[in-house]
Amino acid sequence: MRTTLDINDKLLAKAKSAAAREKSSLTRFIEEALAMRLRGRRPSKSGRAFVISVYRGTGGLVPGVDPTSNRSLYEAADDLP
């Protein structure tokens, strides 16, 4: 269905840019945004889109694994059963 909307120029420019970054059409981007809003998912006031879960259990890394080294983490993952 076609419709005409009056959208703030700066907001439209941001939406076009975001759609291009996502390799999506502006129409699809707006449809997804409307669907999210209608489902009740509003952007948080802090600007965070979601909350990352944090494991608070005990244990930790195996001795010898450097958490700041991707290579070390990959090698440790390869050693998993």
PDB file of N, CA and C in Angstrom:
ATOM      1  N   MET A   1       0.838  -1.162   0.000  1.00  0.00           N
ATOM      2  CA  MET A   1       0.000   0.000   0.000  1.00  0.00           C
ATOM      3  C   MET A   1       0.893   1.238   0.000  1.00  0.00           C
ATOM      4  N   ARG A   2       0.554   2.177  -0.791  1.00  0.00           N
ATOM      5  CA  ARG A   2       1.307   3.432  -0.840  1.00  0.00           C
ATOM      6  C   ARG A   2       0.648   4.452   0.063  1.00  0.00           C
ATOM      7  N   THR A   3       1.498   5.268   0.681  1.00  0.00           N
ATOM      8  CA  THR A   3       0.996   6.355   1.512  1.00  0.00           C
ATOM      9  C   THR A   3       2.010   7.480   1.485  1.00  0.00           C
ATOM     10  N   THR A   4       1.594   8.651   1.883  1.00  0.00           N
ATOM     11  CA  THR A   4       2.483   9.803   1.938  1.00  0.00           C
ATOM     12  C   THR A   4       2.645  10.217   3.392  1.00  0.00           C
ATOM     13  N   LEU A   5       3.896  10.418   3.795  1.00  0.00           N
ATOM     14  CA  LEU A   5       4.186  10.826   5.163  1.00  0.00           C
ATOM     15  C   LEU A   5       5.042  12.073   5.148  1.00  0.00           C
ATOM     16  N   ASP A   6       4.864  12.923   6.133  1.00  0.00           N
ATOM     17  CA  ASP A   6       5.755  14.059   6.349  1.00  0.00           C
ATOM     18  C   ASP A   6       6.719  13.660   7.453  1.00  0.00           C
ATOM     19  N   ILE A   7       7.990  13.474   7.087  1.00  0.00           N
ATOM     20  CA  ILE A   7       9.003  13.031   8.039  1.00  0.00           C
ATOM     21  C   ILE A   7      10.073  14.105   8.137  1.00  0.00           C
ATOM     22  N   ASN A   8      10.503  14.389   9.344  1.00  0.00           N
ATOM     23  CA  ASN A   8      11.570  15.347   9.578  1.00  0.00           C
ATOM     24  C   ASN A   8      12.771  15.004   8.700  1.00  0.00           C
ATOM     25  N   ASP A   9      13.350  16.007   8.034  1.00  0.00           N
ATOM     26  CA  ASP A   9      14.446  15.777   7.088  1.00  0.00           C
ATOM     27  C   ASP A   9      15.647  15.085   7.728  1.00  0.00           C
ATOM     28  N   LYS A  10      16.020  15.514   8.938  1.00  0.00           N
ATOM     29  CA  LYS A  10      17.176  14.902   9.608  1.00  0.00           C
ATOM     30  C   LYS A  10      16.885  13.449   9.981  1.00  0.00           C
ATOM     31  N   LEU A  11      15.668  13.195  10.439  1.00  0.00           N
ATOM     32  CA  LEU A  11      15.282  11.830  10.797  1.00  0.00           C
ATOM     33  C   LEU A  11      15.283  10.934   9.567  1.00  0.00           C
ATOM     34  N   LEU A  12      14.765  11.440   8.461  1.00  0.00           N
ATOM     35  CA  LEU A  12      14.740  10.670   7.225  1.00  0.00           C
ATOM     36  C   LEU A  12      16.156  10.365   6.740  1.00  0.00           C
ATOM     37  N   ALA A  13      17.046  11.351   6.835  1.00  0.00           N
ATOM     38  CA  ALA A  13      18.436  11.134   6.420  1.00  0.00           C
ATOM     39  C   ALA A  13      19.087  10.053   7.276  1.00  0.00           C
ATOM     40  N   LYS A  14      18.829  10.077   8.582  1.00  0.00           N
ATOM     41  CA  LYS A  14      19.384   9.047   9.468  1.00  0.00           C
ATOM     42  C   LYS A  14      18.819   7.672   9.132  1.00  0.00           C
ATOM     43  N   ALA A  15      17.525   7.618   8.837  1.00  0.00           N
ATOM     44  CA  ALA A  15      16.891   6.344   8.494  1.00  0.00           C
ATOM     45  C   ALA A  15      17.465   5.792   7.191  1.00  0.00           C
ATOM     46  N   LYS A  16      17.653   6.663   6.200  1.00  0.00           N
ATOM     47  CA  LYS A  16      18.234   6.228   4.919  1.00  0.00           C
ATOM     48  C   LYS A  16      19.646   5.694   5.125  1.00  0.00           C
ATOM     49  N   SER A  17      20.410   6.399   5.949  1.00  0.00           N
ATOM     50  CA  SER A  17      21.784   5.979   6.221  1.00  0.00           C
ATOM     51  C   SER A  17      21.814   4.630   6.939  1.00  0.00           C
ATOM     52  N   ALA A  18      20.945   4.466   7.939  1.00  0.00           N
ATOM     53  CA  ALA A  18      20.892   3.201   8.680  1.00  0.00           C
ATOM     54  C   ALA A  18      20.456   2.062   7.768  1.00  0.00           C
ATOM     55  N   ALA A  19      19.487   2.309   6.914  1.00  0.00           N
ATOM     56  CA  ALA A  19      19.022   1.278   5.980  1.00  0.00           C
ATOM     57  C   ALA A  19      20.150   0.874   5.033  1.00  0.00           C
ATOM     58  N   ALA A  20      20.904   1.848   4.555  1.00  0.00           N
ATOM     59  CA  ALA A  20      22.015   1.553   3.646  1.00  0.00           C
ATOM     60  C   ALA A  20      23.087   0.730   4.348  1.00  0.00           C
ATOM     61  N   ARG A  21      23.396   1.075   5.616  1.00  0.00           N
ATOM     62  CA  ARG A  21      24.385   0.296   6.375  1.00  0.00           C
ATOM     63  C   ARG A  21      23.947  -1.146   6.543  1.00  0.00           C
ATOM     64  N   GLU A  22      22.631  -1.356   6.692  1.00  0.00           N
ATOM     65  CA  GLU A  22      22.087  -2.701   6.867  1.00  0.00           C
ATOM     66  C   GLU A  22      21.804  -3.387   5.529  1.00  0.00           C
ATOM     67  N   LYS A  23      22.148  -2.694   4.448  1.00  0.00           N
ATOM     68  CA  LYS A  23      21.879  -3.207   3.094  1.00  0.00           C
ATOM     69  C   LYS A  23      20.397  -3.564   2.945  1.00  0.00           C
ATOM     70  N   SER A  24      19.562  -2.631   3.391  1.00  0.00           N
ATOM     71  CA  SER A  24      18.111  -2.799   3.360  1.00  0.00           C
ATOM     72  C   SER A  24      17.505  -1.606   2.643  1.00  0.00           C
ATOM     73  N   SER A  25      16.283  -1.765   2.194  1.00  0.00           N
ATOM     74  CA  SER A  25      15.593  -0.627   1.597  1.00  0.00           C
ATOM     75  C   SER A  25      15.029   0.250   2.709  1.00  0.00           C
ATOM     76  N   LEU A  26      14.785   1.506   2.383  1.00  0.00           N
ATOM     77  CA  LEU A  26      14.186   2.416   3.357  1.00  0.00           C
ATOM     78  C   LEU A  26      12.808   1.904   3.754  1.00  0.00           C
ATOM     79  N   THR A  27      12.051   1.380   2.793  1.00  0.00           N
ATOM     80  CA  THR A  27      10.721   0.847   3.082  1.00  0.00           C
ATOM     81  C   THR A  27      10.808  -0.270   4.113  1.00  0.00           C
ATOM     82  N   ARG A  28      11.708  -1.214   3.897  1.00  0.00           N
ATOM     83  CA  ARG A  28      11.854  -2.345   4.816  1.00  0.00           C
ATOM     84  C   ARG A  28      12.291  -1.866   6.201  1.00  0.00           C
ATOM     85  N   PHE A  29      13.218  -0.892   6.226  1.00  0.00           N
ATOM     86  CA  PHE A  29      13.702  -0.348   7.486  1.00  0.00           C
ATOM     87  C   PHE A  29      12.553   0.272   8.284  1.00  0.00           C
ATOM     88  N   ILE A  30      11.725   1.057   7.613  1.00  0.00           N
ATOM     89  CA  ILE A  30      10.593   1.709   8.275  1.00  0.00           C
ATOM     90  C   ILE A  30       9.566   0.670   8.715  1.00  0.00           C
ATOM     91  N   GLU A  31       9.314  -0.344   7.888  1.00  0.00           N
ATOM     92  CA  GLU A  31       8.368  -1.404   8.267  1.00  0.00           C
ATOM     93  C   GLU A  31       8.829  -2.111   9.543  1.00  0.00           C
ATOM     94  N   GLU A  32      10.128  -2.436   9.615  1.00  0.00           N
ATOM     95  CA  GLU A  32      10.664  -3.108  10.798  1.00  0.00           C
ATOM     96  C   GLU A  32      10.564  -2.208  12.030  1.00  0.00           C
ATOM     97  N   ALA A  33      10.850  -0.930  11.865  1.00  0.00           N
ATOM     98  CA  ALA A  33      10.763   0.000  12.989  1.00  0.00           C
ATOM     99  C   ALA A  33       9.323   0.117  13.486  1.00  0.00           C
ATOM    100  N   LEU A  34       8.379   0.188  12.571  1.00  0.00           N
ATOM    101  CA  LEU A  34       6.967   0.249  12.962  1.00  0.00           C
ATOM    102  C   LEU A  34       6.541  -1.034  13.667  1.00  0.00           C
ATOM    103  N   ALA A  35       6.960  -2.175  13.142  1.00  0.00           N
ATOM    104  CA  ALA A  35       6.597  -3.455  13.748  1.00  0.00           C
ATOM    105  C   ALA A  35       7.153  -3.545  15.174  1.00  0.00           C
ATOM    106  N   MET A  36       8.399  -3.112  15.372  1.00  0.00           N
ATOM    107  CA  MET A  36       8.990  -3.136  16.709  1.00  0.00           C
ATOM    108  C   MET A  36       8.202  -2.236  17.653  1.00  0.00           C
ATOM    109  N   ARG A  37       7.854  -1.069  17.188  1.00  0.00           N
ATOM    110  CA  ARG A  37       7.113  -0.127  18.038  1.00  0.00           C
ATOM    111  C   ARG A  37       5.730  -0.669  18.385  1.00  0.00           C
ATOM    112  N   LEU A  38       5.073  -1.292  17.422  1.00  0.00           N
ATOM    113  CA  LEU A  38       3.733  -1.834  17.659  1.00  0.00           C
ATOM    114  C   LEU A  38       3.765  -3.043  18.590  1.00  0.00           C
ATOM    115  N   ARG A  39       4.895  -3.762  18.619  1.00  0.00           N
ATOM    116  CA  ARG A  39       5.047  -4.889  19.555  1.00  0.00           C
ATOM    117  C   ARG A  39       5.387  -4.393  20.947  1.00  0.00           C
ATOM    118  N   GLY A  40       5.615  -3.090  21.087  1.00  0.00           N
ATOM    119  CA  GLY A  40       5.909  -2.531  22.393  1.00  0.00           C
ATOM    120  C   GLY A  40       7.375  -2.449  22.709  1.00  0.00           C
ATOM    121  N   ARG A  41       8.224  -2.739  21.737  1.00  0.00           N
ATOM    122  CA  ARG A  41       9.660  -2.647  21.963  1.00  0.00           C
ATOM    123  C   ARG A  41      10.115  -1.230  21.674  1.00  0.00           C
ATOM    124  N   ARG A  42      10.354  -0.485  22.708  1.00  0.00           N
ATOM    125  CA  ARG A  42      10.836   0.880  22.553  1.00  0.00           C
ATOM    126  C   ARG A  42      12.326   0.909  22.850  1.00  0.00           C
ATOM    127  N   PRO A  43      13.042   1.797  22.185  1.00  0.00           N
ATOM    128  CA  PRO A  43      14.461   1.933  22.528  1.00  0.00           C
ATOM    129  C   PRO A  43      14.600   2.377  23.978  1.00  0.00           C
ATOM    130  N   SER A  44      15.574   1.831  24.658  1.00  0.00           N
ATOM    131  CA  SER A  44      15.756   2.213  26.058  1.00  0.00           C
ATOM    132  C   SER A  44      16.283   3.638  26.132  1.00  0.00           C
ATOM    133  N   LYS A  45      16.024   4.287  27.239  1.00  0.00           N
ATOM    134  CA  LYS A  45      16.462   5.668  27.402  1.00  0.00           C
ATOM    135  C   LYS A  45      17.967   5.771  27.502  1.00  0.00           C
ATOM    136  N   SER A  46      18.623   4.688  27.870  1.00  0.00           N
ATOM    137  CA  SER A  46      20.078   4.716  27.980  1.00  0.00           C
ATOM    138  C   SER A  46      20.737   4.583  26.612  1.00  0.00           C
ATOM    139  N   GLY A  47      19.952   4.291  25.577  1.00  0.00           N
ATOM    140  CA  GLY A  47      20.505   4.124  24.244  1.00  0.00           C
ATOM    141  C   GLY A  47      20.948   2.706  23.951  1.00  0.00           C
ATOM    142  N   ARG A  48      20.836   1.824  24.939  1.00  0.00           N
ATOM    143  CA  ARG A  48      21.229   0.425  24.743  1.00  0.00           C
ATOM    144  C   ARG A  48      20.062  -0.338  24.155  1.00  0.00           C
ATOM    145  N   ALA A  49      20.316  -1.065  23.085  1.00  0.00           N
ATOM    146  CA  ALA A  49      19.250  -1.802  22.411  1.00  0.00           C
ATOM    147  C   ALA A  49      18.904  -3.102  23.140  1.00  0.00           C
ATOM    148  N   PHE A  50      19.852  -3.657  23.897  1.00  0.00           N
ATOM    149  CA  PHE A  50      19.604  -4.917  24.575  1.00  0.00           C
ATOM    150  C   PHE A  50      20.553  -5.050  25.756  1.00  0.00           C
ATOM    151  N   VAL A  51      20.280  -5.998  26.606  1.00  0.00           N
ATOM    152  CA  VAL A  51      21.120  -6.259  27.777  1.00  0.00           C
ATOM    153  C   VAL A  51      21.895  -7.538  27.544  1.00  0.00           C
ATOM    154  N   ILE A  52      23.168  -7.492  27.775  1.00  0.00           N
ATOM    155  CA  ILE A  52      24.010  -8.673  27.608  1.00  0.00           C
ATOM    156  C   ILE A  52      24.042  -9.434  28.932  1.00  0.00           C
ATOM    157  N   SER A  53      23.785 -10.726  28.869  1.00  0.00           N
ATOM    158  CA  SER A  53      23.831 -11.557  30.067  1.00  0.00           C
ATOM    159  C   SER A  53      25.271 -11.756  30.511  1.00  0.00           C
ATOM    160  N   VAL A  54      25.479 -11.766  31.794  1.00  0.00           N
ATOM    161  CA  VAL A  54      26.812 -11.966  32.347  1.00  0.00           C
ATOM    162  C   VAL A  54      26.777 -13.195  33.251  1.00  0.00           C
ATOM    163  N   TYR A  55      27.678 -14.130  32.997  1.00  0.00           N
ATOM    164  CA  TYR A  55      27.780 -15.325  33.827  1.00  0.00           C
ATOM    165  C   TYR A  55      28.490 -14.954  35.118  1.00  0.00           C
ATOM    166  N   ARG A  56      27.852 -15.221  36.244  1.00  0.00           N
ATOM    167  CA  ARG A  56      28.420 -14.848  37.531  1.00  0.00           C
ATOM    168  C   ARG A  56      28.825 -16.078  38.352  1.00  0.00           C
ATOM    169  N   GLY A  57      28.990 -17.193  37.681  1.00  0.00           N
ATOM    170  CA  GLY A  57      29.369 -18.424  38.361  1.00  0.00           C
ATOM    171  C   GLY A  57      30.835 -18.430  38.734  1.00  0.00           C
ATOM    172  N   THR A  58      31.263 -19.549  39.273  1.00  0.00           N
ATOM    173  CA  THR A  58      32.663 -19.681  39.668  1.00  0.00           C
ATOM    174  C   THR A  58      33.429 -20.409  38.585  1.00  0.00           C
ATOM    175  N   GLY A  59      34.694 -20.410  38.718  1.00  0.00           N
ATOM    176  CA  GLY A  59      35.524 -21.111  37.747  1.00  0.00           C
ATOM    177  C   GLY A  59      36.490 -20.134  37.113  1.00  0.00           C
ATOM    178  N   GLY A  60      36.333 -19.896  35.866  1.00  0.00           N
ATOM    179  CA  GLY A  60      37.205 -18.961  35.173  1.00  0.00           C
ATOM    180  C   GLY A  60      37.920 -19.653  34.042  1.00  0.00           C
ATOM    181  N   LEU A  61      38.909 -18.995  33.543  1.00  0.00           N
ATOM    182  CA  LEU A  61      39.665 -19.532  32.418  1.00  0.00           C
ATOM    183  C   LEU A  61      40.637 -20.611  32.877  1.00  0.00           C
ATOM    184  N   VAL A  62      40.914 -21.479  31.971  1.00  0.00           N
ATOM    185  CA  VAL A  62      41.915 -22.515  32.215  1.00  0.00           C
ATOM    186  C   VAL A  62      43.269 -21.815  32.333  1.00  0.00           C
ATOM    187  N   PRO A  63      44.105 -22.260  33.255  1.00  0.00           N
ATOM    188  CA  PRO A  63      45.431 -21.641  33.366  1.00  0.00           C
ATOM    189  C   PRO A  63      46.151 -21.666  32.022  1.00  0.00           C
ATOM    190  N   GLY A  64      46.792 -20.556  31.688  1.00  0.00           N
ATOM    191  CA  GLY A  64      47.530 -20.463  30.438  1.00  0.00           C
ATOM    192  C   GLY A  64      46.750 -19.818  29.311  1.00  0.00           C
ATOM    193  N   VAL A  65      45.450 -19.553  29.502  1.00  0.00           N
ATOM    194  CA  VAL A  65      44.646 -18.902  28.470  1.00  0.00           C
ATOM    195  C   VAL A  65      44.661 -17.401  28.726  1.00  0.00           C
ATOM    196  N   ASP A  66      45.090 -16.648  27.726  1.00  0.00           N
ATOM    197  CA  ASP A  66      45.151 -15.195  27.833  1.00  0.00           C
ATOM    198  C   ASP A  66      43.844 -14.608  27.289  1.00  0.00           C
ATOM    199  N   PRO A  67      42.993 -14.022  28.146  1.00  0.00           N
ATOM    200  CA  PRO A  67      41.706 -13.518  27.687  1.00  0.00           C
ATOM    201  C   PRO A  67      41.823 -12.296  26.776  1.00  0.00           C
ATOM    202  N   THR A  68      43.007 -11.703  26.671  1.00  0.00           N
ATOM    203  CA  THR A  68      43.187 -10.549  25.785  1.00  0.00           C
ATOM    204  C   THR A  68      43.733 -10.958  24.421  1.00  0.00           C
ATOM    205  N   SER A  69      43.913 -12.260  24.217  1.00  0.00           N
ATOM    206  CA  SER A  69      44.472 -12.756  22.963  1.00  0.00           C
ATOM    207  C   SER A  69      43.454 -13.631  22.233  1.00  0.00           C
ATOM    208  N   ASN A  70      43.041 -13.195  21.053  1.00  0.00           N
ATOM    209  CA  ASN A  70      42.109 -14.008  20.260  1.00  0.00           C
ATOM    210  C   ASN A  70      42.707 -15.366  19.937  1.00  0.00           C
ATOM    211  N   ARG A  71      43.978 -15.381  19.602  1.00  0.00           N
ATOM    212  CA  ARG A  71      44.631 -16.648  19.256  1.00  0.00           C
ATOM    213  C   ARG A  71      44.574 -17.616  20.431  1.00  0.00           C
ATOM    214  N   SER A  72      44.851 -17.118  21.626  1.00  0.00           N
ATOM    215  CA  SER A  72      44.832 -17.953  22.823  1.00  0.00           C
ATOM    216  C   SER A  72      43.424 -18.503  23.064  1.00  0.00           C
ATOM    217  N   LEU A  73      42.407 -17.650  22.891  1.00  0.00           N
ATOM    218  CA  LEU A  73      41.022 -18.089  23.089  1.00  0.00           C
ATOM    219  C   LEU A  73      40.609 -19.114  22.035  1.00  0.00           C
ATOM    220  N   TYR A  74      41.001 -18.882  20.771  1.00  0.00           N
ATOM    221  CA  TYR A  74      40.675 -19.851  19.714  1.00  0.00           C
ATOM    222  C   TYR A  74      41.326 -21.188  19.964  1.00  0.00           C
ATOM    223  N   GLU A  75      42.598 -21.149  20.369  1.00  0.00           N
ATOM    224  CA  GLU A  75      43.301 -22.401  20.638  1.00  0.00           C
ATOM    225  C   GLU A  75      42.670 -23.144  21.806  1.00  0.00           C
ATOM    226  N   ALA A  76      42.235 -22.417  22.833  1.00  0.00           N
ATOM    227  CA  ALA A  76      41.581 -23.046  23.972  1.00  0.00           C
ATOM    228  C   ALA A  76      40.247 -23.647  23.539  1.00  0.00           C
ATOM    229  N   ALA A  77      39.529 -22.971  22.656  1.00  0.00           N
ATOM    230  CA  ALA A  77      38.248 -23.486  22.163  1.00  0.00           C
ATOM    231  C   ALA A  77      38.456 -24.747  21.334  1.00  0.00           C
ATOM    232  N   ASP A  78      39.563 -24.814  20.598  1.00  0.00           N
ATOM    233  CA  ASP A  78      39.845 -26.009  19.803  1.00  0.00           C
ATOM    234  C   ASP A  78      40.120 -27.214  20.676  1.00  0.00           C
ATOM    235  N   ASP A  79      40.563 -26.982  21.907  1.00  0.00           N
ATOM    236  CA  ASP A  79      40.882 -28.083  22.819  1.00  0.00           C
ATOM    237  C   ASP A  79      39.670 -28.614  23.552  1.00  0.00           C
ATOM    238  N   LEU A  80      38.493 -28.015  23.362  1.00  0.00           N
ATOM    239  CA  LEU A  80      37.279 -28.474  24.046  1.00  0.00           C
ATOM    240  C   LEU A  80      36.876 -29.845  23.538  1.00  0.00           C
ATOM    241  N   PRO A  81      36.265 -30.659  24.422  1.00  0.00           N
ATOM    242  CA  PRO A  81      35.863 -32.003  23.999  1.00  0.00           C
ATOM    243  C   PRO A  81      34.747 -31.977  22.990  1.00  0.00           C
TER     244      PRO A  81
END
